C-alpha cells in the first residue's frame, strides 16, 4: 500500500508541478508584457512591479525543477537524465517530451540572462528575452500532448485564456513602438515643415526689403 501511495504521490506531484510551472511562466509573461507596454507601469511606479516579474520567472524554474524530480522518482515510466534532458530520447511519447525539454532550455536561458542582465549587452538580453514566446508555445504544446489533464475542461479554458492574453499583449507590444515612432516622425516632419516655411518667409521678406527704395539725402 505504501508503494502504491508513493507511486501516486510522485505522479500527482509531476502533474501538479507541471501545471503550476506553466501557470507561473504565463503569469510572468503577462506581467512583463504589461510592464513593457505601459499598461501597468506609470511614472514613479514602485520597483516591486519589476521584482514581481522576476520573482514569477524564478518561481517557474523552481516548479520545473520539482516537475523533473517527480518524473525521475516516478516508477510508472522510466525517466533518467538522458530522457529528461535529451530531446526524442524518451521511449514514452518522445515528441511530446521533446517539447518540454526545449521549453526547459529556453526557460533556463531566459532566467540566466535575466539574473545577469547588468553584465550583458542590452541587445543580447533582449534577443534572449524574446524567446519567451517560443517558450510559451513549446510549454503549451508539451502540456497538451504529454499531460494527463489535457481533457480537463478547466485546464483547457485556463490555457485558452492565457494564450489569448499572451497573443493580445504580445501584438500590442509589437505594434506599440511603431505607433510611437510614427508619431515622433510626424512631429519631426511638422516641425521641419514649419522651419522651412519660416525660412522661406524670411527670404521673401528679405527680398522685399532689398526691392524697397532706399531714401537718400
Protein backbone atom coordinates (compact mmCIF):
# COMPACT_ATOMS: atom_id res chain seq x y z
CA UNK A 1 0.00 0.00 0.00
CA UNK A 2 2.85 2.37 0.79
CA UNK A 3 4.38 1.60 -2.59
CA UNK A 4 1.14 2.41 -4.37
CA UNK A 5 0.78 5.60 -2.33
CA UNK A 6 4.33 6.69 -3.16
CA UNK A 7 3.76 5.96 -6.85
CA UNK A 8 0.61 8.07 -6.87
CA UNK A 9 2.32 10.80 -4.88
CA UNK A 10 5.13 11.22 -7.38
CA UNK A 11 2.68 11.07 -10.29
CA UNK A 12 0.43 13.71 -8.75
CA UNK A 13 3.48 15.82 -7.89
CA UNK A 14 4.65 15.65 -11.51
CA UNK A 15 1.22 16.66 -12.82
CA UNK A 16 0.67 19.45 -10.31
CA UNK A 17 4.17 20.93 -10.64
CA UNK A 18 3.85 20.89 -14.43
CA UNK A 19 0.58 22.81 -14.30
CA UNK A 20 1.94 25.31 -11.79
CA UNK A 21 5.12 25.78 -13.84
CA UNK A 22 3.05 26.57 -16.94
CA UNK A 23 0.90 28.97 -14.90
CA UNK A 24 3.89 30.85 -13.46
CA UNK A 25 5.54 31.09 -16.89
CA UNK A 26 2.30 32.52 -18.30
CA UNK A 27 1.86 34.92 -15.39
CA UNK A 28 5.46 36.10 -15.72
CA UNK A 29 5.00 36.75 -19.43
CA UNK A 30 1.71 38.60 -18.95
CA UNK A 31 3.16 40.75 -16.20
CA UNK A 32 6.30 41.50 -18.21
CA UNK A 33 4.26 42.43 -21.28
CA UNK A 34 2.01 44.64 -19.16
CA UNK A 35 5.07 46.45 -17.84
CA UNK A 36 6.72 46.88 -21.24
CA UNK A 37 3.53 48.16 -22.88
CA UNK A 38 2.92 50.70 -20.07
CA UNK A 39 -0.42 49.10 -19.20
CA UNK A 40 0.71 48.78 -15.59
CA UNK A 41 3.82 50.88 -15.22
CA UNK A 42 3.45 54.59 -14.80
CA UNK A 43 5.81 57.40 -13.91
CA UNK A 44 7.04 56.90 -10.37
CA UNK A 45 5.82 53.30 -10.13
CA UNK A 46 7.43 51.28 -7.31
CA UNK A 47 10.28 48.87 -8.06
CA UNK A 48 8.33 45.89 -6.74
CA UNK A 49 6.41 45.76 -10.03
CA UNK A 50 9.55 44.63 -11.86
CA UNK A 51 10.60 42.49 -8.89
CA UNK A 52 7.31 40.59 -9.14
CA UNK A 53 8.05 39.79 -12.79
CA UNK A 54 11.49 38.46 -11.82
CA UNK A 55 10.03 36.50 -8.90
CA UNK A 56 7.49 34.78 -11.14
CA UNK A 57 10.26 33.79 -13.54
CA UNK A 58 12.34 32.34 -10.72
CA UNK A 59 9.30 30.51 -9.38
CA UNK A 60 8.86 28.94 -12.82
CA UNK A 61 12.36 27.48 -12.64
CA UNK A 62 11.64 26.09 -9.17
CA UNK A 63 8.48 24.28 -10.25
CA UNK A 64 10.12 22.96 -13.41
CA UNK A 65 12.81 21.51 -11.13
CA UNK A 66 10.12 19.89 -8.97
CA UNK A 67 8.47 18.55 -12.13
CA UNK A 68 11.72 16.94 -13.31
CA UNK A 69 12.45 15.45 -9.88
CA UNK A 70 8.96 13.99 -9.65
CA UNK A 71 9.28 12.41 -13.11
CA UNK A 72 12.65 10.95 -12.16
CA UNK A 73 11.21 9.50 -8.94
CA UNK A 74 8.09 8.09 -10.60
CA UNK A 75 8.15 4.36 -11.35
CA UNK A 76 5.41 4.23 -13.97
CA UNK A 77 7.70 5.30 -16.81
CA UNK A 78 11.48 5.45 -16.57
CA UNK A 79 12.93 8.94 -16.82
CA UNK A 80 16.67 9.21 -16.34
CA UNK A 81 18.98 12.13 -17.12
CA UNK A 82 19.04 11.18 -20.81
CA UNK A 83 15.25 11.01 -21.08
CA UNK A 84 14.84 14.27 -19.16
CA UNK A 85 17.41 16.38 -20.97
CA UNK A 86 17.90 14.92 -24.46
CA UNK A 87 15.07 15.58 -26.94
CA UNK A 88 13.49 12.47 -28.52
CA UNK A 89 15.43 10.14 -26.20
CA UNK A 90 12.36 9.11 -24.21
CA UNK A 91 10.59 5.90 -25.12
CA UNK A 92 7.31 7.36 -23.82
CA UNK A 93 5.82 9.95 -26.21
CA UNK A 94 9.22 11.22 -27.42
CA UNK A 95 7.78 14.11 -29.41
CA UNK A 96 5.64 15.39 -26.54
CA UNK A 97 8.52 15.12 -24.07
CA UNK A 98 10.86 16.88 -26.51
CA UNK A 99 8.62 19.96 -26.45
CA UNK A 100 9.01 20.10 -22.68
CA UNK A 101 12.80 19.74 -22.90
CA UNK A 102 13.03 22.59 -25.41
CA UNK A 103 10.84 24.75 -23.17
CA UNK A 104 13.09 23.95 -20.19
CA UNK A 105 16.23 25.03 -22.03
CA UNK A 106 14.59 28.25 -23.18
CA UNK A 107 13.41 29.00 -19.65
CA UNK A 108 16.90 28.47 -18.23
CA UNK A 109 18.45 30.71 -20.89
CA UNK A 110 15.92 33.47 -20.22
CA UNK A 111 16.35 33.33 -16.47
CA UNK A 112 20.16 33.19 -16.53
CA UNK A 113 20.31 36.24 -18.80
CA UNK A 114 17.75 37.99 -16.60
CA UNK A 115 19.84 37.37 -13.48
CA UNK A 116 22.96 38.64 -15.26
CA UNK A 117 21.36 41.34 -17.40
CA UNK A 118 23.53 44.10 -15.90
CA UNK A 119 26.64 42.33 -17.20
CA UNK A 120 25.26 41.67 -20.69
CA UNK A 121 24.74 43.95 -23.69
CA UNK A 122 21.13 45.01 -23.85
CA UNK A 123 20.74 43.61 -27.37
CA UNK A 124 21.84 40.16 -26.19
CA UNK A 125 19.49 40.24 -23.21
CA UNK A 126 16.60 41.45 -25.34
CA UNK A 127 17.18 38.82 -28.05
CA UNK A 128 17.17 36.02 -25.49
CA UNK A 129 14.16 37.51 -23.71
CA UNK A 130 12.16 37.41 -26.94
CA UNK A 131 12.38 33.61 -26.85
CA UNK A 132 9.71 33.81 -24.14
CA UNK A 133 7.17 33.45 -26.93
CA UNK A 134 8.65 30.17 -28.29
CA UNK A 135 8.96 29.06 -24.66
CA UNK A 136 5.26 29.65 -24.05
CA UNK A 137 4.32 27.85 -27.27
CA UNK A 138 6.56 24.85 -26.53
CA UNK A 139 5.34 24.58 -22.93
CA UNK A 140 1.71 24.73 -24.05
CA UNK A 141 2.20 22.05 -26.72
CA UNK A 142 4.03 19.89 -24.18
CA UNK A 143 1.22 20.24 -21.69
CA UNK A 144 -1.49 19.21 -24.16
CA UNK A 145 0.46 16.37 -25.77
CA UNK A 146 2.14 14.88 -22.71
CA UNK A 147 -0.05 16.00 -19.82
CA UNK A 148 -2.70 13.80 -18.26
CA UNK A 149 -5.00 16.76 -17.64
CA UNK A 150 -5.38 17.89 -21.24
CA UNK A 151 -9.01 16.74 -21.29
CA UNK A 152 -9.87 18.68 -18.16
CA UNK A 153 -12.28 21.47 -19.12
CA UNK A 154 -10.89 23.88 -16.54
CA UNK A 155 -7.34 23.32 -17.78
CA UNK A 156 -8.48 23.89 -21.36
CA UNK A 157 -10.20 27.16 -20.54
CA UNK A 158 -7.25 28.42 -18.48
CA UNK A 159 -4.85 27.56 -21.32
CA UNK A 160 -7.11 29.24 -23.88
CA UNK A 161 -7.44 32.38 -21.76
CA UNK A 162 -3.71 32.54 -21.11
CA UNK A 163 -2.93 32.03 -24.77
CA UNK A 164 -5.30 34.78 -25.89
CA UNK A 165 -3.90 37.22 -23.33
CA UNK A 166 -0.32 36.49 -24.39
CA UNK A 167 -1.29 36.94 -28.05
CA UNK A 168 -3.13 40.21 -27.37
CA UNK A 169 -0.41 41.77 -25.21
CA UNK A 170 2.35 40.49 -27.49
CA UNK A 171 0.67 42.03 -30.53
CA UNK A 172 0.12 45.28 -28.65
CA UNK A 173 3.78 45.28 -27.59
CA UNK A 174 4.99 44.78 -31.18
CA UNK A 175 2.75 47.49 -32.61
CA UNK A 176 3.26 50.00 -29.79
CA UNK A 177 6.82 51.12 -30.70
CA UNK A 178 5.80 51.56 -34.33
CA UNK A 179 2.92 53.79 -33.28
CA UNK A 180 5.19 55.90 -31.09
CA UNK A 181 7.80 56.07 -33.85
CA UNK A 182 5.17 57.18 -36.37
CA UNK A 183 4.04 59.94 -34.03
CA UNK A 184 7.64 61.03 -33.49
CA UNK A 185 8.28 61.10 -37.23
CA UNK A 186 5.08 63.11 -37.70
CA UNK A 187 6.24 65.63 -35.12
CA UNK A 188 9.65 65.89 -36.78
CA UNK A 189 8.08 66.39 -40.21
CA UNK A 190 5.69 69.03 -38.90
CA UNK A 191 8.45 70.87 -37.10
CA UNK A 192 10.69 70.72 -40.16
CA UNK A 193 7.88 71.94 -42.37
CA UNK A 194 7.33 74.91 -40.08
CA UNK A 195 11.05 75.72 -40.11
CA UNK A 196 11.11 75.59 -43.90
CA UNK A 197 8.10 77.84 -44.09
CA UNK A 198 9.74 80.24 -41.68
CA UNK A 199 12.94 80.31 -43.72
CA UNK A 200 11.02 80.86 -46.91
CA UNK A 201 9.05 83.64 -45.32
CA UNK A 202 12.24 85.25 -44.08
CA UNK A 203 13.76 85.03 -47.54
CA UNK A 204 10.69 86.66 -49.08
CA UNK A 205 10.72 89.45 -46.50
CA UNK A 206 14.44 89.99 -47.07
CA UNK A 207 13.94 90.16 -50.83
CA UNK A 208 11.12 92.65 -50.35
CA UNK A 209 13.37 94.81 -48.21
CA UNK A 210 16.02 94.77 -50.93
CA UNK A 211 13.46 95.85 -53.51
CA UNK A 212 12.30 98.85 -51.41
CA UNK A 213 13.82 102.16 -52.48
CA UNK A 214 16.43 103.50 -50.18
CA UNK A 215 15.75 107.06 -49.14
CA UNK A 216 18.72 109.31 -49.76
CA UNK A 217 19.57 112.84 -48.70
